[in-house]
């Protein structure tokens, strides 16, 4: 995450059906994990993802200024 420029205090979205080492790696670099649920196929639940980013980014329109 440091290599691609994710700064300490930033948020990273991941899914709940995951190996704990991923969450530990996210926390180790000082990034905040946003954990979303998974669907019946064990994929990231799109509705939960929309709730996770919708309330914060779409309402404040920050998504337009975010560089990925």
C-alpha atoms as a PDB file:
ATOM      1  CA  UNK A   1       0.000   0.000   0.000  1.00  0.00           C
ATOM      2  CA  UNK A   2       2.870   2.348   0.705  1.00  0.00           C
ATOM      3  CA  UNK A   3       4.283   1.671  -2.752  1.00  0.00           C
ATOM      4  CA  UNK A   4       1.110   2.812  -4.513  1.00  0.00           C
ATOM      5  CA  UNK A   5       0.821   5.927  -2.355  1.00  0.00           C
ATOM      6  CA  UNK A   6      -1.901   5.064   0.147  1.00  0.00           C
ATOM      7  CA  UNK A   7      -1.181   7.306   3.104  1.00  0.00           C
ATOM      8  CA  UNK A   8      -1.585   6.613   6.805  1.00  0.00           C
ATOM      9  CA  UNK A   9      -5.102   7.444   7.953  1.00  0.00           C
ATOM     10  CA  UNK A  10      -6.633   6.621   4.555  1.00  0.00           C
ATOM     11  CA  UNK A  11      -9.427   4.077   4.259  1.00  0.00           C
ATOM     12  CA  UNK A  12      -9.259   0.817   2.312  1.00  0.00           C
ATOM     13  CA  UNK A  13     -12.292  -1.353   1.564  1.00  0.00           C
ATOM     14  CA  UNK A  14     -12.018  -5.111   1.922  1.00  0.00           C
ATOM     15  CA  UNK A  15     -14.487  -7.936   2.422  1.00  0.00           C
ATOM     16  CA  UNK A  16     -15.256  -9.834   5.599  1.00  0.00           C
ATOM     17  CA  UNK A  17     -14.570 -13.252   4.015  1.00  0.00           C
ATOM     18  CA  UNK A  18     -10.821 -12.880   4.082  1.00  0.00           C
ATOM     19  CA  UNK A  19      -7.643 -14.091   5.732  1.00  0.00           C
ATOM     20  CA  UNK A  20      -6.826 -12.124   8.900  1.00  0.00           C
ATOM     21  CA  UNK A  21      -3.318 -11.319   7.643  1.00  0.00           C
ATOM     22  CA  UNK A  22      -4.802  -8.913   5.097  1.00  0.00           C
ATOM     23  CA  UNK A  23      -6.468  -6.878   7.840  1.00  0.00           C
ATOM     24  CA  UNK A  24      -3.249  -6.969   9.857  1.00  0.00           C
ATOM     25  CA  UNK A  25      -1.280  -5.696   6.853  1.00  0.00           C
ATOM     26  CA  UNK A  26      -3.755  -2.855   6.377  1.00  0.00           C
ATOM     27  CA  UNK A  27      -3.496  -1.872  10.038  1.00  0.00           C
ATOM     28  CA  UNK A  28       0.296  -2.270  10.041  1.00  0.00           C
ATOM     29  CA  UNK A  29       0.735   0.589   7.565  1.00  0.00           C
ATOM     30  CA  UNK A  30      -1.673   2.826   9.483  1.00  0.00           C
ATOM     31  CA  UNK A  31      -4.571   2.535   7.065  1.00  0.00           C
ATOM     32  CA  UNK A  32      -8.166   2.124   8.262  1.00  0.00           C
ATOM     33  CA  UNK A  33      -9.908  -1.031   6.982  1.00  0.00           C
ATOM     34  CA  UNK A  34     -13.553  -0.691   5.952  1.00  0.00           C
ATOM     35  CA  UNK A  35     -14.929  -4.226   6.073  1.00  0.00           C
ATOM     36  CA  UNK A  36     -17.908  -5.060   3.852  1.00  0.00           C
ATOM     37  CA  UNK A  37     -20.001  -8.211   3.961  1.00  0.00           C
ATOM     38  CA  UNK A  38     -20.019 -10.896   1.301  1.00  0.00           C
ATOM     39  CA  UNK A  39     -22.843 -12.403  -0.739  1.00  0.00           C
ATOM     40  CA  UNK A  40     -23.975 -16.028  -1.156  1.00  0.00           C
ATOM     41  CA  UNK A  41     -21.148 -16.648  -3.649  1.00  0.00           C
ATOM     42  CA  UNK A  42     -18.558 -15.286  -1.174  1.00  0.00           C
ATOM     43  CA  UNK A  43     -17.994 -12.192  -3.331  1.00  0.00           C
ATOM     44  CA  UNK A  44     -18.025  -8.643  -2.039  1.00  0.00           C
ATOM     45  CA  UNK A  45     -21.635  -7.642  -1.387  1.00  0.00           C
ATOM     46  CA  UNK A  46     -22.289  -4.726  -3.736  1.00  0.00           C
ATOM     47  CA  UNK A  47     -25.130  -3.322  -1.629  1.00  0.00           C
ATOM     48  CA  UNK A  48     -22.928  -3.273   1.472  1.00  0.00           C
ATOM     49  CA  UNK A  49     -20.133  -1.682  -0.559  1.00  0.00           C
ATOM     50  CA  UNK A  50     -22.503   1.044  -1.757  1.00  0.00           C
ATOM     51  CA  UNK A  51     -23.550   1.727   1.824  1.00  0.00           C
ATOM     52  CA  UNK A  52     -19.923   1.870   2.947  1.00  0.00           C
ATOM     53  CA  UNK A  53     -18.874   4.406   0.329  1.00  0.00           C
ATOM     54  CA  UNK A  54     -22.219   6.006  -0.474  1.00  0.00           C
ATOM     55  CA  UNK A  55     -22.791   7.809   2.783  1.00  0.00           C
ATOM     56  CA  UNK A  56     -19.304   9.202   2.961  1.00  0.00           C
ATOM     57  CA  UNK A  57     -18.226   9.905  -0.605  1.00  0.00           C
ATOM     58  CA  UNK A  58     -21.315  10.371  -2.719  1.00  0.00           C
ATOM     59  CA  UNK A  59     -23.102  12.697  -0.296  1.00  0.00           C
ATOM     60  CA  UNK A  60     -20.021  14.881   0.089  1.00  0.00           C
ATOM     61  CA  UNK A  61     -19.120  14.460  -3.592  1.00  0.00           C
ATOM     62  CA  UNK A  62     -15.538  13.587  -2.643  1.00  0.00           C
ATOM     63  CA  UNK A  63     -15.559  10.772  -5.190  1.00  0.00           C
ATOM     64  CA  UNK A  64     -15.184  13.329  -7.959  1.00  0.00           C
ATOM     65  CA  UNK A  65     -11.879  14.549  -6.507  1.00  0.00           C
ATOM     66  CA  UNK A  66     -10.408  11.151  -5.667  1.00  0.00           C
ATOM     67  CA  UNK A  67      -7.418  10.052  -7.740  1.00  0.00           C
ATOM     68  CA  UNK A  68      -7.010   6.307  -8.012  1.00  0.00           C
END
